[in-house]
Amino acid sequence: MKSRDYPATWRVLTAKSRDTIVSETYDAIRNAGDPPVPMDRIRDDFAGGGPMCRQYWEGFLRRFNPDDALEKSRWEMGMVGKDRAEVLITRQGADRPAVLKMFLEDGGWRAGLVETFWSH
């Protein structure tokens, strides 16, 4: 994400995170009064780093500084299970860590961005 390789970022997200982002993007386009865009086209745009993808992640990066997590935080392994794990990310000066939820999907570990940070 820091290097703005958005297709690579997309590939490491869980299916739930990707589905939620596609759905939210679809709703945002519709709510803006723009012509509807099929969800499969939105999904393809994110996978390929297209204009919708770039707009989404650039907006995300205006609210989230990757350096806070990468350079100003301590990373530790939390719970590790057969198909779930937790990475504890404690920012300098924080009392408690953020708990990044990871899931084993399609033969690899995927970051649960939505599962971790979106309110349910």
PDB file of N, CA and C in Angstrom:
ATOM      1  N   MET A   1       0.832  -1.187   0.000  1.00  0.00           N
ATOM      2  CA  MET A   1       0.000   0.000   0.000  1.00  0.00           C
ATOM      3  C   MET A   1       0.877   1.251   0.000  1.00  0.00           C
ATOM      4  N   LYS A   2       1.938   1.225   0.799  1.00  0.00           N
ATOM      5  CA  LYS A   2       2.805   2.397   0.878  1.00  0.00           C
ATOM      6  C   LYS A   2       3.400   2.719  -0.489  1.00  0.00           C
ATOM      7  N   SER A   3       3.753   1.704  -1.252  1.00  0.00           N
ATOM      8  CA  SER A   3       4.356   1.923  -2.568  1.00  0.00           C
ATOM      9  C   SER A   3       3.303   2.190  -3.643  1.00  0.00           C
ATOM     10  N   ARG A   4       2.038   2.188  -3.222  1.00  0.00           N
ATOM     11  CA  ARG A   4       0.898   2.430  -4.113  1.00  0.00           C
ATOM     12  C   ARG A   4       0.780   1.362  -5.202  1.00  0.00           C
ATOM     13  N   ASP A   5       1.178   0.147  -4.856  1.00  0.00           N
ATOM     14  CA  ASP A   5       0.956  -1.005  -5.739  1.00  0.00           C
ATOM     15  C   ASP A   5      -0.401  -1.584  -5.352  1.00  0.00           C
ATOM     16  N   TYR A   6      -1.447  -0.954  -5.841  1.00  0.00           N
ATOM     17  CA  TYR A   6      -2.796  -1.295  -5.423  1.00  0.00           C
ATOM     18  C   TYR A   6      -3.240  -2.683  -5.867  1.00  0.00           C
ATOM     19  N   PRO A   7      -2.843  -3.173  -7.045  1.00  0.00           N
ATOM     20  CA  PRO A   7      -3.198  -4.562  -7.361  1.00  0.00           C
ATOM     21  C   PRO A   7      -2.595  -5.561  -6.368  1.00  0.00           C
ATOM     22  N   ALA A   8      -1.376  -5.317  -5.909  1.00  0.00           N
ATOM     23  CA  ALA A   8      -0.762  -6.191  -4.905  1.00  0.00           C
ATOM     24  C   ALA A   8      -1.501  -6.083  -3.580  1.00  0.00           C
ATOM     25  N   THR A   9      -1.894  -4.877  -3.217  1.00  0.00           N
ATOM     26  CA  THR A   9      -2.678  -4.677  -1.996  1.00  0.00           C
ATOM     27  C   THR A   9      -3.971  -5.467  -2.089  1.00  0.00           C
ATOM     28  N   TRP A  10      -4.639  -5.395  -3.233  1.00  0.00           N
ATOM     29  CA  TRP A  10      -5.909  -6.086  -3.463  1.00  0.00           C
ATOM     30  C   TRP A  10      -5.747  -7.598  -3.284  1.00  0.00           C
ATOM     31  N   ARG A  11      -4.642  -8.136  -3.786  1.00  0.00           N
ATOM     32  CA  ARG A  11      -4.428  -9.598  -3.742  1.00  0.00           C
ATOM     33  C   ARG A  11      -4.240 -10.128  -2.329  1.00  0.00           C
ATOM     34  N   VAL A  12      -3.776  -9.284  -1.389  1.00  0.00           N
ATOM     35  CA  VAL A  12      -3.540  -9.782  -0.030  1.00  0.00           C
ATOM     36  C   VAL A  12      -4.748  -9.594   0.889  1.00  0.00           C
ATOM     37  N   LEU A  13      -5.828  -9.040   0.363  1.00  0.00           N
ATOM     38  CA  LEU A  13      -7.033  -8.862   1.175  1.00  0.00           C
ATOM     39  C   LEU A  13      -7.905 -10.112   1.150  1.00  0.00           C
ATOM     40  N   THR A  14      -8.654 -10.310   2.222  1.00  0.00           N
ATOM     41  CA  THR A  14      -9.606 -11.417   2.269  1.00  0.00           C
ATOM     42  C   THR A  14     -10.726 -11.195   1.263  1.00  0.00           C
ATOM     43  N   ALA A  15     -11.406 -12.278   0.928  1.00  0.00           N
ATOM     44  CA  ALA A  15     -12.564 -12.189   0.033  1.00  0.00           C
ATOM     45  C   ALA A  15     -13.624 -11.267   0.621  1.00  0.00           C
ATOM     46  N   LYS A  16     -13.841 -11.346   1.929  1.00  0.00           N
ATOM     47  CA  LYS A  16     -14.838 -10.470   2.569  1.00  0.00           C
ATOM     48  C   LYS A  16     -14.434  -9.008   2.429  1.00  0.00           C
ATOM     49  N   SER A  17     -13.170  -8.701   2.617  1.00  0.00           N
ATOM     50  CA  SER A  17     -12.709  -7.321   2.478  1.00  0.00           C
ATOM     51  C   SER A  17     -12.894  -6.834   1.044  1.00  0.00           C
ATOM     52  N   ARG A  18     -12.507  -7.660   0.076  1.00  0.00           N
ATOM     53  CA  ARG A  18     -12.672  -7.270  -1.329  1.00  0.00           C
ATOM     54  C   ARG A  18     -14.149  -7.077  -1.668  1.00  0.00           C
ATOM     55  N   ASP A  19     -15.006  -8.010  -1.231  1.00  0.00           N
ATOM     56  CA  ASP A  19     -16.449  -7.899  -1.516  1.00  0.00           C
ATOM     57  C   ASP A  19     -17.036  -6.626  -0.904  1.00  0.00           C
ATOM     58  N   THR A  20     -16.634  -6.305   0.324  1.00  0.00           N
ATOM     59  CA  THR A  20     -17.146  -5.113   0.996  1.00  0.00           C
ATOM     60  C   THR A  20     -16.702  -3.851   0.275  1.00  0.00           C
ATOM     61  N   ILE A  21     -15.447  -3.788  -0.130  1.00  0.00           N
ATOM     62  CA  ILE A  21     -14.937  -2.611  -0.833  1.00  0.00           C
ATOM     63  C   ILE A  21     -15.649  -2.435  -2.175  1.00  0.00           C
ATOM     64  N   VAL A  22     -15.870  -3.527  -2.889  1.00  0.00           N
ATOM     65  CA  VAL A  22     -16.598  -3.450  -4.164  1.00  0.00           C
ATOM     66  C   VAL A  22     -18.016  -2.941  -3.923  1.00  0.00           C
ATOM     67  N   SER A  23     -18.687  -3.473  -2.926  1.00  0.00           N
ATOM     68  CA  SER A  23     -20.054  -3.068  -2.615  1.00  0.00           C
ATOM     69  C   SER A  23     -20.120  -1.598  -2.198  1.00  0.00           C
ATOM     70  N   GLU A  24     -19.184  -1.167  -1.360  1.00  0.00           N
ATOM     71  CA  GLU A  24     -19.155   0.231  -0.931  1.00  0.00           C
ATOM     72  C   GLU A  24     -18.884   1.167  -2.106  1.00  0.00           C
ATOM     73  N   THR A  25     -18.017   0.747  -3.008  1.00  0.00           N
ATOM     74  CA  THR A  25     -17.712   1.559  -4.192  1.00  0.00           C
ATOM     75  C   THR A  25     -18.936   1.644  -5.093  1.00  0.00           C
ATOM     76  N   TYR A  26     -19.611   0.526  -5.285  1.00  0.00           N
ATOM     77  CA  TYR A  26     -20.844   0.503  -6.076  1.00  0.00           C
ATOM     78  C   TYR A  26     -21.867   1.486  -5.486  1.00  0.00           C
ATOM     79  N   ASP A  27     -22.069   1.413  -4.175  1.00  0.00           N
ATOM     80  CA  ASP A  27     -23.025   2.303  -3.504  1.00  0.00           C
ATOM     81  C   ASP A  27     -22.614   3.768  -3.622  1.00  0.00           C
ATOM     82  N   ALA A  28     -21.316   4.053  -3.494  1.00  0.00           N
ATOM     83  CA  ALA A  28     -20.842   5.438  -3.583  1.00  0.00           C
ATOM     84  C   ALA A  28     -21.086   6.003  -4.982  1.00  0.00           C
ATOM     85  N   ILE A  29     -20.862   5.206  -6.006  1.00  0.00           N
ATOM     86  CA  ILE A  29     -21.108   5.645  -7.381  1.00  0.00           C
ATOM     87  C   ILE A  29     -22.597   5.920  -7.569  1.00  0.00           C
ATOM     88  N   ARG A  30     -23.414   5.009  -7.102  1.00  0.00           N
ATOM     89  CA  ARG A  30     -24.868   5.156  -7.236  1.00  0.00           C
ATOM     90  C   ARG A  30     -25.362   6.370  -6.451  1.00  0.00           C
ATOM     91  N   ASN A  31     -24.874   6.539  -5.220  1.00  0.00           N
ATOM     92  CA  ASN A  31     -25.313   7.653  -4.382  1.00  0.00           C
ATOM     93  C   ASN A  31     -24.852   9.010  -4.914  1.00  0.00           C
ATOM     94  N   ALA A  32     -23.771   9.012  -5.698  1.00  0.00           N
ATOM     95  CA  ALA A  32     -23.291  10.258  -6.295  1.00  0.00           C
ATOM     96  C   ALA A  32     -24.123  10.656  -7.513  1.00  0.00           C
ATOM     97  N   GLY A  33     -25.035   9.768  -7.918  1.00  0.00           N
ATOM     98  CA  GLY A  33     -25.875  10.052  -9.071  1.00  0.00           C
ATOM     99  C   GLY A  33     -25.224   9.704 -10.392  1.00  0.00           C
ATOM    100  N   ASP A  34     -24.083   9.050 -10.332  1.00  0.00           N
ATOM    101  CA  ASP A  34     -23.405   8.628 -11.558  1.00  0.00           C
ATOM    102  C   ASP A  34     -24.076   7.377 -12.120  1.00  0.00           C
ATOM    103  N   PRO A  35     -23.889   7.130 -13.415  1.00  0.00           N
ATOM    104  CA  PRO A  35     -24.469   5.905 -13.992  1.00  0.00           C
ATOM    105  C   PRO A  35     -23.932   4.672 -13.254  1.00  0.00           C
ATOM    106  N   PRO A  36     -24.800   3.681 -13.031  1.00  0.00           N
ATOM    107  CA  PRO A  36     -24.354   2.483 -12.311  1.00  0.00           C
ATOM    108  C   PRO A  36     -23.228   1.760 -13.056  1.00  0.00           C
ATOM    109  N   VAL A  37     -22.334   1.192 -12.277  1.00  0.00           N
ATOM    110  CA  VAL A  37     -21.226   0.399 -12.821  1.00  0.00           C
ATOM    111  C   VAL A  37     -21.403  -1.021 -12.287  1.00  0.00           C
ATOM    112  N   PRO A  38     -21.402  -2.028 -13.167  1.00  0.00           N
ATOM    113  CA  PRO A  38     -21.559  -3.414 -12.682  1.00  0.00           C
ATOM    114  C   PRO A  38     -20.460  -3.784 -11.677  1.00  0.00           C
ATOM    115  N   MET A  39     -20.849  -4.553 -10.680  1.00  0.00           N
ATOM    116  CA  MET A  39     -19.899  -4.930  -9.632  1.00  0.00           C
ATOM    117  C   MET A  39     -18.706  -5.692 -10.192  1.00  0.00           C
ATOM    118  N   ASP A  40     -18.914  -6.524 -11.215  1.00  0.00           N
ATOM    119  CA  ASP A  40     -17.775  -7.257 -11.765  1.00  0.00           C
ATOM    120  C   ASP A  40     -16.775  -6.310 -12.429  1.00  0.00           C
ATOM    121  N   ARG A  41     -17.271  -5.214 -12.985  1.00  0.00           N
ATOM    122  CA  ARG A  41     -16.365  -4.211 -13.576  1.00  0.00           C
ATOM    123  C   ARG A  41     -15.586  -3.486 -12.485  1.00  0.00           C
ATOM    124  N   ILE A  42     -16.244  -3.200 -11.366  1.00  0.00           N
ATOM    125  CA  ILE A  42     -15.555  -2.572 -10.231  1.00  0.00           C
ATOM    126  C   ILE A  42     -14.477  -3.520  -9.705  1.00  0.00           C
ATOM    127  N   ARG A  43     -14.839  -4.793  -9.545  1.00  0.00           N
ATOM    128  CA  ARG A  43     -13.880  -5.790  -9.054  1.00  0.00           C
ATOM    129  C   ARG A  43     -12.664  -5.873  -9.987  1.00  0.00           C
ATOM    130  N   ASP A  44     -12.907  -5.907 -11.300  1.00  0.00           N
ATOM    131  CA  ASP A  44     -11.814  -5.967 -12.269  1.00  0.00           C
ATOM    132  C   ASP A  44     -10.941  -4.714 -12.199  1.00  0.00           C
ATOM    133  N   ASP A  45     -11.570  -3.556 -11.988  1.00  0.00           N
ATOM    134  CA  ASP A  45     -10.834  -2.298 -11.877  1.00  0.00           C
ATOM    135  C   ASP A  45      -9.888  -2.347 -10.677  1.00  0.00           C
ATOM    136  N   PHE A  46     -10.381  -2.838  -9.540  1.00  0.00           N
ATOM    137  CA  PHE A  46      -9.530  -2.945  -8.355  1.00  0.00           C
ATOM    138  C   PHE A  46      -8.402  -3.950  -8.577  1.00  0.00           C
ATOM    139  N   ALA A  47      -8.701  -5.062  -9.198  1.00  0.00           N
ATOM    140  CA  ALA A  47      -7.675  -6.078  -9.438  1.00  0.00           C
ATOM    141  C   ALA A  47      -6.580  -5.558 -10.369  1.00  0.00           C
ATOM    142  N   GLY A  48      -6.959  -4.695 -11.302  1.00  0.00           N
ATOM    143  CA  GLY A  48      -6.000  -4.188 -12.276  1.00  0.00           C
ATOM    144  C   GLY A  48      -5.418  -2.824 -11.960  1.00  0.00           C
ATOM    145  N   GLY A  49      -5.825  -2.219 -10.863  1.00  0.00           N
ATOM    146  CA  GLY A  49      -5.288  -0.913 -10.492  1.00  0.00           C
ATOM    147  C   GLY A  49      -5.836   0.231 -11.330  1.00  0.00           C
ATOM    148  N   GLY A  50      -7.097   0.102 -11.735  1.00  0.00           N
ATOM    149  CA  GLY A  50      -7.733   1.112 -12.574  1.00  0.00           C
ATOM    150  C   GLY A  50      -8.103   2.380 -11.828  1.00  0.00           C
ATOM    151  N   PRO A  51      -8.838   3.285 -12.505  1.00  0.00           N
ATOM    152  CA  PRO A  51      -9.140   4.594 -11.907  1.00  0.00           C
ATOM    153  C   PRO A  51     -10.001   4.530 -10.643  1.00  0.00           C
ATOM    154  N   MET A  52     -10.978   3.621 -10.586  1.00  0.00           N
ATOM    155  CA  MET A  52     -11.783   3.515  -9.362  1.00  0.00           C
ATOM    156  C   MET A  52     -10.917   3.043  -8.208  1.00  0.00           C
ATOM    157  N   CYS A  53     -10.055   2.088  -8.499  1.00  0.00           N
ATOM    158  CA  CYS A  53      -9.125   1.559  -7.498  1.00  0.00           C
ATOM    159  C   CYS A  53      -8.218   2.651  -6.967  1.00  0.00           C
ATOM    160  N   ARG A  54      -7.613   3.391  -7.869  1.00  0.00           N
ATOM    161  CA  ARG A  54      -6.686   4.445  -7.446  1.00  0.00           C
ATOM    162  C   ARG A  54      -7.405   5.502  -6.616  1.00  0.00           C
ATOM    163  N   GLN A  55      -8.605   5.885  -7.020  1.00  0.00           N
ATOM    164  CA  GLN A  55      -9.358   6.889  -6.264  1.00  0.00           C
ATOM    165  C   GLN A  55      -9.681   6.379  -4.863  1.00  0.00           C
ATOM    166  N   TYR A  56     -10.086   5.118  -4.771  1.00  0.00           N
ATOM    167  CA  TYR A  56     -10.422   4.542  -3.465  1.00  0.00           C
ATOM    168  C   TYR A  56      -9.194   4.545  -2.541  1.00  0.00           C
ATOM    169  N   TRP A  57      -8.073   3.969  -3.024  1.00  0.00           N
ATOM    170  CA  TRP A  57      -6.909   3.829  -2.160  1.00  0.00           C
ATOM    171  C   TRP A  57      -6.251   5.168  -1.849  1.00  0.00           C
ATOM    172  N   GLU A  58      -6.294   6.119  -2.788  1.00  0.00           N
ATOM    173  CA  GLU A  58      -5.752   7.444  -2.481  1.00  0.00           C
ATOM    174  C   GLU A  58      -6.566   8.100  -1.365  1.00  0.00           C
ATOM    175  N   GLY A  59      -7.881   7.928  -1.402  1.00  0.00           N
ATOM    176  CA  GLY A  59      -8.720   8.426  -0.313  1.00  0.00           C
ATOM    177  C   GLY A  59      -8.412   7.724   0.996  1.00  0.00           C
ATOM    178  N   PHE A  60      -8.206   6.429   0.937  1.00  0.00           N
ATOM    179  CA  PHE A  60      -7.856   5.651   2.121  1.00  0.00           C
ATOM    180  C   PHE A  60      -6.551   6.177   2.722  1.00  0.00           C
ATOM    181  N   LEU A  61      -5.572   6.443   1.871  1.00  0.00           N
ATOM    182  CA  LEU A  61      -4.266   6.899   2.347  1.00  0.00           C
ATOM    183  C   LEU A  61      -4.288   8.330   2.880  1.00  0.00           C
ATOM    184  N   ARG A  62      -5.331   9.084   2.574  1.00  0.00           N
ATOM    185  CA  ARG A  62      -5.461  10.408   3.187  1.00  0.00           C
ATOM    186  C   ARG A  62      -5.841  10.273   4.662  1.00  0.00           C
ATOM    187  N   ARG A  63      -6.405   9.121   5.043  1.00  0.00           N
ATOM    188  CA  ARG A  63      -6.812   8.893   6.436  1.00  0.00           C
ATOM    189  C   ARG A  63      -5.875   7.945   7.183  1.00  0.00           C
ATOM    190  N   PHE A  64      -5.071   7.197   6.446  1.00  0.00           N
ATOM    191  CA  PHE A  64      -4.198   6.198   7.053  1.00  0.00           C
ATOM    192  C   PHE A  64      -2.787   6.363   6.509  1.00  0.00           C
ATOM    193  N   ASN A  65      -1.835   6.582   7.402  1.00  0.00           N
ATOM    194  CA  ASN A  65      -0.441   6.720   7.015  1.00  0.00           C
ATOM    195  C   ASN A  65       0.261   5.382   7.256  1.00  0.00           C
ATOM    196  N   PRO A  66       0.662   4.683   6.187  1.00  0.00           N
ATOM    197  CA  PRO A  66       1.317   3.386   6.371  1.00  0.00           C
ATOM    198  C   PRO A  66       2.572   3.449   7.244  1.00  0.00           C
ATOM    199  N   ASP A  67       3.259   4.598   7.238  1.00  0.00           N
ATOM    200  CA  ASP A  67       4.464   4.708   8.065  1.00  0.00           C
ATOM    201  C   ASP A  67       4.159   4.553   9.547  1.00  0.00           C
ATOM    202  N   ASP A  68       2.950   4.936   9.964  1.00  0.00           N
ATOM    203  CA  ASP A  68       2.584   4.741  11.370  1.00  0.00           C
ATOM    204  C   ASP A  68       2.654   3.259  11.738  1.00  0.00           C
ATOM    205  N   ALA A  69       2.185   2.414  10.846  1.00  0.00           N
ATOM    206  CA  ALA A  69       2.205   0.978  11.112  1.00  0.00           C
ATOM    207  C   ALA A  69       3.572   0.366  10.819  1.00  0.00           C
ATOM    208  N   LEU A  70       4.219   0.823   9.757  1.00  0.00           N
ATOM    209  CA  LEU A  70       5.464   0.184   9.328  1.00  0.00           C
ATOM    210  C   LEU A  70       6.688   0.640  10.116  1.00  0.00           C
ATOM    211  N   GLU A  71       6.762   1.912  10.436  1.00  0.00           N
ATOM    212  CA  GLU A  71       7.984   2.448  11.033  1.00  0.00           C
ATOM    213  C   GLU A  71       7.828   2.914  12.477  1.00  0.00           C
ATOM    214  N   LYS A  72       6.595   3.156  12.891  1.00  0.00           N
ATOM    215  CA  LYS A  72       6.376   3.707  14.227  1.00  0.00           C
ATOM    216  C   LYS A  72       5.623   2.737  15.130  1.00  0.00           C
ATOM    217  N   SER A  73       5.659   1.465  14.777  1.00  0.00           N
ATOM    218  CA  SER A  73       4.907   0.472  15.546  1.00  0.00           C
ATOM    219  C   SER A  73       5.722  -0.791  15.746  1.00  0.00           C
ATOM    220  N   ARG A  74       5.376  -1.508  16.792  1.00  0.00           N
ATOM    221  CA  ARG A  74       5.968  -2.820  17.082  1.00  0.00           C
ATOM    222  C   ARG A  74       4.981  -3.887  16.614  1.00  0.00           C
ATOM    223  N   TRP A  75       5.470  -4.882  15.894  1.00  0.00           N
ATOM    224  CA  TRP A  75       4.643  -5.967  15.375  1.00  0.00           C
ATOM    225  C   TRP A  75       4.964  -7.242  16.140  1.00  0.00           C
ATOM    226  N   GLU A  76       3.916  -7.927  16.584  1.00  0.00           N
ATOM    227  CA  GLU A  76       4.080  -9.191  17.297  1.00  0.00           C
ATOM    228  C   GLU A  76       2.998 -10.151  16.835  1.00  0.00           C
ATOM    229  N   MET A  77       3.295 -11.417  16.895  1.00  0.00           N
ATOM    230  CA  MET A  77       2.278 -12.423  16.584  1.00  0.00           C
ATOM    231  C   MET A  77       1.372 -12.598  17.790  1.00  0.00           C
ATOM    232  N   GLY A  78       0.103 -12.629  17.528  1.00  0.00           N
ATOM    233  CA  GLY A  78      -0.874 -12.928  18.560  1.00  0.00           C
ATOM    234  C   GLY A  78      -1.284 -14.378  18.415  1.00  0.00           C
ATOM    235  N   MET A  79      -2.559 -14.633  18.569  1.00  0.00           N
ATOM    236  CA  MET A  79      -3.107 -15.972  18.443  1.00  0.00           C
ATOM    237  C   MET A  79      -2.871 -16.492  17.018  1.00  0.00           C
ATOM    238  N   VAL A  80      -2.476 -17.764  16.933  1.00  0.00           N
ATOM    239  CA  VAL A  80      -2.317 -18.411  15.629  1.00  0.00           C
ATOM    240  C   VAL A  80      -3.096 -19.713  15.668  1.00  0.00           C
ATOM    241  N   GLY A  81      -4.011 -19.846  14.735  1.00  0.00           N
ATOM    242  CA  GLY A  81      -4.796 -21.061  14.615  1.00  0.00           C
ATOM    243  C   GLY A  81      -4.599 -21.685  13.244  1.00  0.00           C
ATOM    244  N   LYS A  82      -5.380 -22.706  12.976  1.00  0.00           N
ATOM    245  CA  LYS A  82      -5.264 -23.440  11.711  1.00  0.00           C
ATOM    246  C   LYS A  82      -5.540 -22.534  10.512  1.00  0.00           C
ATOM    247  N   ASP A  83      -6.570 -21.707  10.605  1.00  0.00           N
ATOM    248  CA  ASP A  83      -6.935 -20.869   9.462  1.00  0.00           C
ATOM    249  C   ASP A  83      -7.147 -19.402   9.834  1.00  0.00           C
ATOM    250  N   ARG A  84      -6.740 -19.039  11.041  1.00  0.00           N
ATOM    251  CA  ARG A  84      -6.856 -17.648  11.509  1.00  0.00           C
ATOM    252  C   ARG A  84      -5.633 -17.307  12.341  1.00  0.00           C
ATOM    253  N   ALA A  85      -5.269 -16.040  12.281  1.00  0.00           N
ATOM    254  CA  ALA A  85      -4.152 -15.572  13.102  1.00  0.00           C
ATOM    255  C   ALA A  85      -4.381 -14.100  13.398  1.00  0.00           C
ATOM    256  N   GLU A  86      -3.648 -13.610  14.374  1.00  0.00           N
ATOM    257  CA  GLU A  86      -3.720 -12.202  14.726  1.00  0.00           C
ATOM    258  C   GLU A  86      -2.307 -11.631  14.766  1.00  0.00           C
ATOM    259  N   VAL A  87      -2.163 -10.440  14.216  1.00  0.00           N
ATOM    260  CA  VAL A  87      -0.913  -9.702  14.300  1.00  0.00           C
ATOM    261  C   VAL A  87      -1.192  -8.489  15.177  1.00  0.00           C
ATOM    262  N   LEU A  88      -0.413  -8.340  16.241  1.00  0.00           N
ATOM    263  CA  LEU A  88      -0.585  -7.225  17.179  1.00  0.00           C
ATOM    264  C   LEU A  88       0.340  -6.094  16.747  1.00  0.00           C
ATOM    265  N   ILE A  89      -0.257  -4.954  16.443  1.00  0.00           N
ATOM    266  CA  ILE A  89       0.509  -3.799  15.966  1.00  0.00           C
ATOM    267  C   ILE A  89       0.317  -2.677  16.981  1.00  0.00           C
ATOM    268  N   THR A  90       1.395  -2.376  17.710  1.00  0.00           N
ATOM    269  CA  THR A  90       1.325  -1.368  18.760  1.00  0.00           C
ATOM    270  C   THR A  90       2.111  -0.135  18.324  1.00  0.00           C
ATOM    271  N   ARG A  91       1.398   0.955  18.103  1.00  0.00           N
ATOM    272  CA  ARG A  91       2.029   2.212  17.704  1.00  0.00           C
ATOM    273  C   ARG A  91       2.750   2.808  18.904  1.00  0.00           C
ATOM    274  N   GLN A  92       3.857   3.482  18.645  1.00  0.00           N
ATOM    275  CA  GLN A  92       4.600   4.146  19.714  1.00  0.00           C
ATOM    276  C   GLN A  92       3.659   5.024  20.520  1.00  0.00           C
ATOM    277  N   GLY A  93       3.700   4.865  21.831  1.00  0.00           N
ATOM    278  CA  GLY A  93       2.888   5.675  22.724  1.00  0.00           C
ATOM    279  C   GLY A  93       1.491   5.128  22.963  1.00  0.00           C
ATOM    280  N   ALA A  94       1.102   4.077  22.253  1.00  0.00           N
ATOM    281  CA  ALA A  94      -0.242   3.516  22.427  1.00  0.00           C
ATOM    282  C   ALA A  94      -0.271   2.592  23.635  1.00  0.00           C
ATOM    283  N   ASP A  95      -1.436   2.539  24.277  1.00  0.00           N
ATOM    284  CA  ASP A  95      -1.607   1.652  25.427  1.00  0.00           C
ATOM    285  C   ASP A  95      -1.900   0.219  24.999  1.00  0.00           C
ATOM    286  N   ARG A  96      -2.628   0.095  23.884  1.00  0.00           N
ATOM    287  CA  ARG A  96      -3.029  -1.239  23.427  1.00  0.00           C
ATOM    288  C   ARG A  96      -2.741  -1.383  21.936  1.00  0.00           C
ATOM    289  N   PRO A  97      -2.522  -2.607  21.496  1.00  0.00           N
ATOM    290  CA  PRO A  97      -2.261  -2.811  20.071  1.00  0.00           C
ATOM    291  C   PRO A  97      -3.551  -2.848  19.252  1.00  0.00           C
ATOM    292  N   ALA A  98      -3.402  -2.563  17.976  1.00  0.00           N
ATOM    293  CA  ALA A  98      -4.453  -2.884  17.011  1.00  0.00           C
ATOM    294  C   ALA A  98      -4.256  -4.365  16.696  1.00  0.00           C
ATOM    295  N   VAL A  99      -5.327  -5.085  16.539  1.00  0.00           N
ATOM    296  CA  VAL A  99      -5.242  -6.518  16.285  1.00  0.00           C
ATOM    297  C   VAL A  99      -5.677  -6.762  14.854  1.00  0.00           C
ATOM    298  N   LEU A 100      -4.691  -6.977  13.971  1.00  0.00           N
ATOM    299  CA  LEU A 100      -4.969  -7.245  12.570  1.00  0.00           C
ATOM    300  C   LEU A 100      -5.338  -8.714  12.420  1.00  0.00           C
ATOM    301  N   LYS A 101      -6.539  -8.963  11.925  1.00  0.00           N
ATOM    302  CA  LYS A 101      -7.016 -10.329  11.749  1.00  0.00           C
ATOM    303  C   LYS A 101      -6.571 -10.845  10.389  1.00  0.00           C
ATOM    304  N   MET A 102      -5.981 -12.025  10.405  1.00  0.00           N
ATOM    305  CA  MET A 102      -5.492 -12.680   9.190  1.00  0.00           C
ATOM    306  C   MET A 102      -6.250 -13.989   9.004  1.00  0.00           C
ATOM    307  N   PHE A 103      -6.500 -14.352   7.750  1.00  0.00           N
ATOM    308  CA  PHE A 103      -7.256 -15.559   7.432  1.00  0.00           C
ATOM    309  C   PHE A 103      -6.549 -16.337   6.341  1.00  0.00           C
ATOM    310  N   LEU A 104      -6.524 -17.656   6.480  1.00  0.00           N
ATOM    311  CA  LEU A 104      -5.954 -18.523   5.456  1.00  0.00           C
ATOM    312  C   LEU A 104      -7.021 -18.746   4.389  1.00  0.00           C
ATOM    313  N   GLU A 105      -6.773 -18.226   3.186  1.00  0.00           N
ATOM    314  CA  GLU A 105      -7.706 -18.363   2.064  1.00  0.00           C
ATOM    315  C   GLU A 105      -6.912 -18.663   0.798  1.00  0.00           C
ATOM    316  N   ASP A 106      -7.415 -19.556   0.002  1.00  0.00           N
ATOM    317  CA  ASP A 106      -6.788 -19.859  -1.291  1.00  0.00           C
ATOM    318  C   ASP A 106      -5.306 -20.176  -1.155  1.00  0.00           C
ATOM    319  N   GLY A 107      -4.946 -20.878  -0.106  1.00  0.00           N
ATOM    320  CA  GLY A 107      -3.570 -21.319   0.073  1.00  0.00           C
ATOM    321  C   GLY A 107      -2.604 -20.268   0.598  1.00  0.00           C
ATOM    322  N   GLY A 108      -3.099 -19.097   0.999  1.00  0.00           N
ATOM    323  CA  GLY A 108      -2.213 -18.060   1.521  1.00  0.00           C
ATOM    324  C   GLY A 108      -2.894 -17.249   2.604  1.00  0.00           C
ATOM    325  N   TRP A 109      -2.105 -16.548   3.373  1.00  0.00           N
ATOM    326  CA  TRP A 109      -2.635 -15.695   4.432  1.00  0.00           C
ATOM    327  C   TRP A 109      -3.086 -14.373   3.837  1.00  0.00           C
ATOM    328  N   ARG A 110      -4.298 -13.956   4.190  1.00  0.00           N
ATOM    329  CA  ARG A 110      -4.900 -12.727   3.676  1.00  0.00           C
ATOM    330  C   ARG A 110      -5.244 -11.806   4.847  1.00  0.00           C
ATOM    331  N   ALA A 111      -5.072 -10.514   4.615  1.00  0.00           N
ATOM    332  CA  ALA A 111      -5.362  -9.518   5.640  1.00  0.00           C
ATOM    333  C   ALA A 111      -6.853  -9.215   5.664  1.00  0.00           C
ATOM    334  N   GLY A 112      -7.424  -9.296   6.831  1.00  0.00           N
ATOM    335  CA  GLY A 112      -8.835  -8.973   7.015  1.00  0.00           C
ATOM    336  C   GLY A 112      -9.011  -7.498   7.321  1.00  0.00           C
ATOM    337  N   LEU A 113      -8.851  -6.661   6.321  1.00  0.00           N
ATOM    338  CA  LEU A 113      -8.988  -5.217   6.523  1.00  0.00           C
ATOM    339  C   LEU A 113     -10.369  -4.870   7.049  1.00  0.00           C
ATOM    340  N   VAL A 114     -11.389  -5.369   6.386  1.00  0.00           N
ATOM    341  CA  VAL A 114     -12.769  -5.100   6.811  1.00  0.00           C
ATOM    342  C   VAL A 114     -13.045  -5.771   8.159  1.00  0.00           C
ATOM    343  N   GLU A 115     -12.622  -7.016   8.286  1.00  0.00           N
ATOM    344  CA  GLU A 115     -12.863  -7.763   9.515  1.00  0.00           C
ATOM    345  C   GLU A 115     -12.192  -7.110  10.735  1.00  0.00           C
ATOM    346  N   THR A 116     -11.111  -6.396  10.497  1.00  0.00           N
ATOM    347  CA  THR A 116     -10.366  -5.766  11.576  1.00  0.00           C
ATOM    348  C   THR A 116     -10.863  -4.360  11.894  1.00  0.00           C
ATOM    349  N   PHE A 117     -11.077  -3.549  10.865  1.00  0.00           N
ATOM    350  CA  PHE A 117     -11.256  -2.120  11.095  1.00  0.00           C
ATOM    351  C   PHE A 117     -12.639  -1.569  10.832  1.00  0.00           C
ATOM    352  N   TRP A 118     -13.481  -2.254  10.088  1.00  0.00           N
ATOM    353  CA  TRP A 118     -14.836  -1.745   9.837  1.00  0.00           C
ATOM    354  C   TRP A 118     -15.714  -2.114  11.027  1.00  0.00           C
ATOM    355  N   SER A 119     -16.608  -1.215  11.403  1.00  0.00           N
ATOM    356  CA  SER A 119     -17.568  -1.563  12.458  1.00  0.00           C
ATOM    357  C   SER A 119     -18.663  -2.416  11.845  1.00  0.00           C
ATOM    358  N   HIS A 120     -19.082  -3.428  12.558  1.00  0.00           N
ATOM    359  CA  HIS A 120     -20.037  -4.394  11.993  1.00  0.00           C
ATOM    360  C   HIS A 120     -21.424  -4.134  12.486  1.00  0.00           C
TER     361      HIS A 120
END
